[in-house]
Each structure stands twice: as C-alpha cells, then as structure tokens.
Amino acid sequence: MRKHVRSLVRVLEQQFGKQFILYGAEVGVWKGELSADLLRSFPEVRITMVDSWEPFDSSAMHIKDNNDKAMLEAQEAAVQNTLFAHTRRTIINYPSVRAAGLQEDGSMDFVFIDADHYYESVQADLEAWWSKVQDFGIMAGHDYNGMGDRRKGWGVKRAVDEFFGAMDLEVRVEPGLVWWVAKENERKED
C-alpha cells in the first residue's frame, strides 16, 4: 500500500472506525488502486469511482498518458483492480463536476479528490463535491504542496487553502502529501 493510501486509511479509521465507513468517492481514479485498497481496508464501504478516462488538453498533468490507448488501459485496470468488490463499487465514467451532480448532498462519509491538479480544476472539484460530504465527514485529496505544486505550477495547495480558509476550516496534512478537512456540522442552531 502506497504512503498516501496508508495515510488516508489511518485518517478514516481514526475518524470513523473500521466498521463505520459506509459510503465514499474517489474522484480521479486512473487505475483504481486507491479504491481497491479502500475496498480491502473497509469491509462495509461502498465507493463511487469517478473518472472520465478521456484525453485532456495539453496543459494537463500527465502528458505521456494523454492518449486514447492509455486512457482505455487505465479504465480497464480500474475495473480489474476492483473486481473483487464489484458489488461495493460504482464506476462513473464522467467528468468530476458532472458526476457530482448525480450524487445526493450529504450522502458520503468521505470524498477523496485526486483528479486534474491544476488550480481551476481543483477549485471546481472542491465546489462540486463539498456538499456531498455529510456533517462530520471528511474531504481529502492528494499532492498537497508536492513537486507538482512547487515546480509544475499545479494548484492543489492554493485551491485547498483558499476554499477551506474561506470557511475557517483547518486543512490537515499527512505523510504522502495527503490533505484532509473534517466537515463541521453546518446546520444552524435555533
């Protein structure tokens, strides 16, 4: 299990306990390795796996994989990597924001954002998926202040800090460049 997956599993176990994670989403699945590890780690979890698996514009993160063949291979790998838990996973082959529109607000224990890492895309993902996280749930993601942010001009840290800073919520960072935020109860007290 890779470092960022171990960090996410540890955070989810601390927040919910191993038996009480029921529903989550991975946004930006690629080959489905993180979803597979979560499905193995949490015996009751149901995961929505979101990725469009379509070539992207030339400014995107992974230029070497920017072709139909690589995308199809990644999608097939995601299906195979999670086949052992096929009744507990749903694969949505849509862009992130469109897929978020299919989910009920407050329906997820956690959402893990790991799609396009450029500022505008991360910002759009945060805005689209935050309402899907239930009160006291977790939103998390990958590559916070990593080499891509520092050298390639990605925008993970900036988008995350701005989005959650505007709500005065603490962004926590774990090994493996994992960031996470606990969603406080947003209901207004009378």
Protein backbone atom coordinates (compact mmCIF):
# COMPACT_ATOMS: atom_id res chain seq x y z
CA MET A 1 0.00 0.00 0.00
CA ARG A 2 1.45 3.37 -1.00
CA LYS A 3 2.16 6.06 1.59
CA HIS A 4 -0.75 8.31 0.61
CA VAL A 5 -3.18 5.39 0.81
CA ARG A 6 -1.88 4.39 4.26
CA SER A 7 -2.35 7.98 5.41
CA LEU A 8 -5.91 8.14 4.12
CA VAL A 9 -6.81 4.77 5.66
CA ARG A 10 -5.38 5.90 9.01
CA VAL A 11 -7.35 9.18 8.94
CA LEU A 12 -10.60 7.39 8.04
CA GLU A 13 -10.06 4.76 10.77
CA GLN A 14 -9.41 7.49 13.35
CA GLN A 15 -12.45 9.50 12.32
CA PHE A 16 -14.96 6.69 11.82
CA GLY A 17 -13.60 3.30 12.91
CA LYS A 18 -13.05 0.40 10.56
CA GLN A 19 -16.66 -0.83 10.57
CA PHE A 20 -18.42 2.51 10.17
CA ILE A 21 -17.21 3.81 6.83
CA LEU A 22 -20.21 3.22 4.61
CA TYR A 23 -20.01 5.41 1.54
CA GLY A 24 -17.30 7.41 -0.19
CA ALA A 25 -15.99 8.59 -3.53
CA GLU A 26 -12.64 8.69 -5.25
CA VAL A 27 -12.56 11.49 -7.80
CA GLY A 28 -9.76 10.87 -10.29
CA VAL A 29 -9.42 7.10 -10.22
CA TRP A 30 -6.92 6.40 -13.01
CA LYS A 31 -6.18 2.67 -12.46
CA GLY A 32 -8.32 2.25 -9.34
CA GLU A 33 -5.52 1.32 -6.97
CA LEU A 34 -6.63 3.62 -4.15
CA SER A 35 -10.24 2.45 -4.46
CA ALA A 36 -9.07 -1.18 -4.36
CA ASP A 37 -7.06 -0.54 -1.19
CA LEU A 38 -10.02 1.21 0.47
CA LEU A 39 -12.37 -1.62 -0.50
CA ARG A 40 -9.92 -4.08 1.10
CA SER A 41 -9.39 -1.97 4.22
CA PHE A 42 -13.05 -1.23 5.00
CA PRO A 43 -15.28 -4.31 4.68
CA GLU A 44 -18.58 -2.41 4.51
CA VAL A 45 -17.58 0.57 2.37
CA ARG A 46 -19.25 1.35 -0.94
CA ILE A 47 -17.17 3.53 -3.24
CA THR A 48 -18.16 5.63 -6.19
CA MET A 49 -15.19 5.74 -8.56
CA VAL A 50 -15.24 8.82 -10.81
CA ASP A 51 -13.03 9.37 -13.85
CA SER A 52 -13.74 10.40 -17.43
CA TRP A 53 -10.77 8.45 -18.82
CA GLU A 54 -10.60 10.86 -21.74
CA PRO A 55 -7.56 12.60 -23.22
CA PHE A 56 -7.20 16.10 -21.86
CA ASP A 57 -5.80 19.34 -23.17
CA SER A 58 -2.05 19.68 -23.50
CA SER A 59 -1.69 21.71 -20.30
CA ALA A 60 -2.80 18.82 -18.11
CA MET A 61 -0.69 16.88 -15.62
CA HIS A 62 0.45 13.69 -17.29
CA ILE A 63 1.22 14.40 -20.92
CA LYS A 64 2.69 10.92 -21.55
CA ASP A 65 -0.69 9.33 -20.79
CA ASN A 66 -2.66 11.80 -22.88
CA ASN A 67 -3.94 9.37 -25.50
CA ASP A 68 -6.92 7.09 -26.06
CA LYS A 69 -4.91 3.88 -25.62
CA ALA A 70 -3.51 4.87 -22.21
CA MET A 71 -6.94 6.00 -21.03
CA LEU A 72 -8.61 2.77 -22.09
CA GLU A 73 -5.88 0.72 -20.40
CA ALA A 74 -6.26 2.72 -17.19
CA GLN A 75 -10.03 2.28 -17.19
CA GLU A 76 -9.71 -1.47 -17.78
CA ALA A 77 -7.18 -1.66 -14.94
CA ALA A 78 -9.59 0.17 -12.61
CA VAL A 79 -12.32 -2.34 -13.40
CA GLN A 80 -9.98 -5.30 -12.87
CA ASN A 81 -8.36 -3.90 -9.72
CA THR A 82 -11.75 -3.57 -8.01
CA LEU A 83 -13.47 -6.62 -9.49
CA PHE A 84 -13.13 -8.49 -6.18
CA ALA A 85 -15.57 -5.94 -4.69
CA HIS A 86 -17.74 -5.31 -7.73
CA THR A 87 -20.92 -5.22 -5.63
CA ARG A 88 -19.48 -2.45 -3.44
CA ARG A 89 -18.19 -0.12 -6.13
CA THR A 90 -19.87 2.02 -8.73
CA ILE A 91 -17.82 3.30 -11.64
CA ILE A 92 -18.94 6.60 -13.16
CA ASN A 93 -17.30 7.45 -16.47
CA TYR A 94 -18.00 11.20 -16.39
CA PRO A 95 -16.01 14.34 -15.69
CA SER A 96 -15.87 15.13 -11.98
CA VAL A 97 -18.29 18.05 -11.79
CA ARG A 98 -20.91 16.26 -13.89
CA ALA A 99 -20.60 13.14 -11.71
CA ALA A 100 -21.01 15.22 -8.55
CA GLY A 101 -24.39 16.36 -9.87
CA LEU A 102 -25.55 12.73 -9.73
CA GLN A 103 -24.84 12.40 -6.00
CA GLU A 104 -27.11 13.45 -3.15
CA ASP A 105 -25.94 16.22 -0.86
CA GLY A 106 -24.73 14.94 2.50
CA SER A 107 -24.64 11.32 1.32
CA MET A 108 -20.94 10.49 1.71
CA ASP A 109 -18.67 9.79 4.64
CA PHE A 110 -15.68 10.88 2.61
CA VAL A 111 -14.62 12.20 -0.78
CA PHE A 112 -11.02 11.88 -2.00
CA ILE A 113 -10.04 14.40 -4.70
CA ASP A 114 -7.18 13.31 -6.97
CA ALA A 115 -8.21 14.37 -10.48
CA ASP A 116 -6.68 17.21 -12.53
CA HIS A 117 -4.29 19.05 -10.19
CA TYR A 118 -4.42 22.49 -11.77
CA TYR A 119 -5.92 25.27 -9.66
CA GLU A 120 -9.14 25.82 -11.62
CA SER A 121 -9.88 22.09 -11.77
CA VAL A 122 -9.20 21.51 -8.08
CA GLN A 123 -11.32 24.53 -7.23
CA ALA A 124 -14.21 23.19 -9.35
CA ASP A 125 -13.89 19.73 -7.76
CA LEU A 126 -13.97 21.17 -4.24
CA GLU A 127 -17.03 23.28 -5.02
CA ALA A 128 -18.84 20.38 -6.71
CA TRP A 129 -18.12 17.71 -4.09
CA TRP A 130 -18.08 19.52 -0.72
CA SER A 131 -21.86 19.45 -0.41
CA LYS A 132 -21.82 15.67 -0.94
CA VAL A 133 -19.88 15.12 2.30
CA GLN A 134 -22.11 14.56 5.31
CA ASP A 135 -21.75 16.59 8.51
CA PHE A 136 -18.66 15.35 10.36
CA GLY A 137 -17.44 13.59 7.21
CA ILE A 138 -14.05 14.00 5.56
CA MET A 139 -12.91 15.62 2.35
CA ALA A 140 -9.36 14.70 1.43
CA GLY A 141 -7.04 14.67 -1.52
CA HIS A 142 -3.56 14.07 -2.82
CA ASP A 143 -0.46 16.02 -3.87
CA TYR A 144 -0.80 18.93 -1.44
CA ASN A 145 2.28 21.12 -1.82
CA GLY A 146 4.12 18.39 -3.71
CA MET A 147 6.65 18.81 -6.50
CA GLY A 148 3.85 19.47 -8.99
CA ASP A 149 2.63 22.43 -6.94
CA ARG A 150 6.12 23.77 -6.39
CA ARG A 151 7.68 23.16 -9.81
CA LYS A 152 4.99 22.49 -12.41
CA GLY A 153 2.51 25.19 -11.50
CA TRP A 154 -0.28 22.91 -10.31
CA GLY A 155 -2.64 24.48 -7.83
CA VAL A 156 -3.67 21.86 -5.28
CA LYS A 157 -2.39 23.69 -2.18
CA ARG A 158 -3.63 27.09 -3.31
CA ALA A 159 -7.13 25.85 -4.20
CA VAL A 160 -7.47 23.80 -1.00
CA ASP A 161 -6.16 26.58 1.26
CA GLU A 162 -8.44 29.20 -0.33
CA PHE A 163 -11.56 27.02 -0.35
CA PHE A 164 -11.34 25.88 3.26
CA GLY A 165 -9.77 29.10 4.52
CA ALA A 166 -12.91 30.94 3.39
CA MET A 167 -14.90 28.65 5.75
CA ASP A 168 -12.30 28.92 8.52
CA LEU A 169 -11.75 25.15 8.46
CA GLU A 170 -8.39 23.59 9.28
CA VAL A 171 -6.54 21.77 6.49
CA ARG A 172 -4.53 18.91 7.96
CA VAL A 173 -1.63 17.33 6.08
CA GLU A 174 -0.45 13.73 6.41
CA PRO A 175 2.52 11.78 5.01
CA GLY A 176 2.26 11.09 1.30
CA LEU A 177 1.04 14.63 0.53
CA VAL A 178 -2.49 13.83 1.74
CA TRP A 179 -4.60 16.78 2.86
CA TRP A 180 -7.90 16.43 4.70
CA VAL A 181 -10.62 18.50 6.29
CA ALA A 182 -13.32 17.41 8.72
CA LYS A 183 -16.71 18.85 7.84
CA GLU A 184 -18.25 20.50 10.82
CA ASN A 185 -21.97 20.45 11.44
CA GLU A 186 -23.25 23.17 9.12
CA ARG A 187 -26.83 23.17 10.41
CA LYS A 188 -27.80 26.40 12.07
CA GLU A 189 -28.86 26.23 15.70
CA ASP A 190 -32.15 27.97 16.54
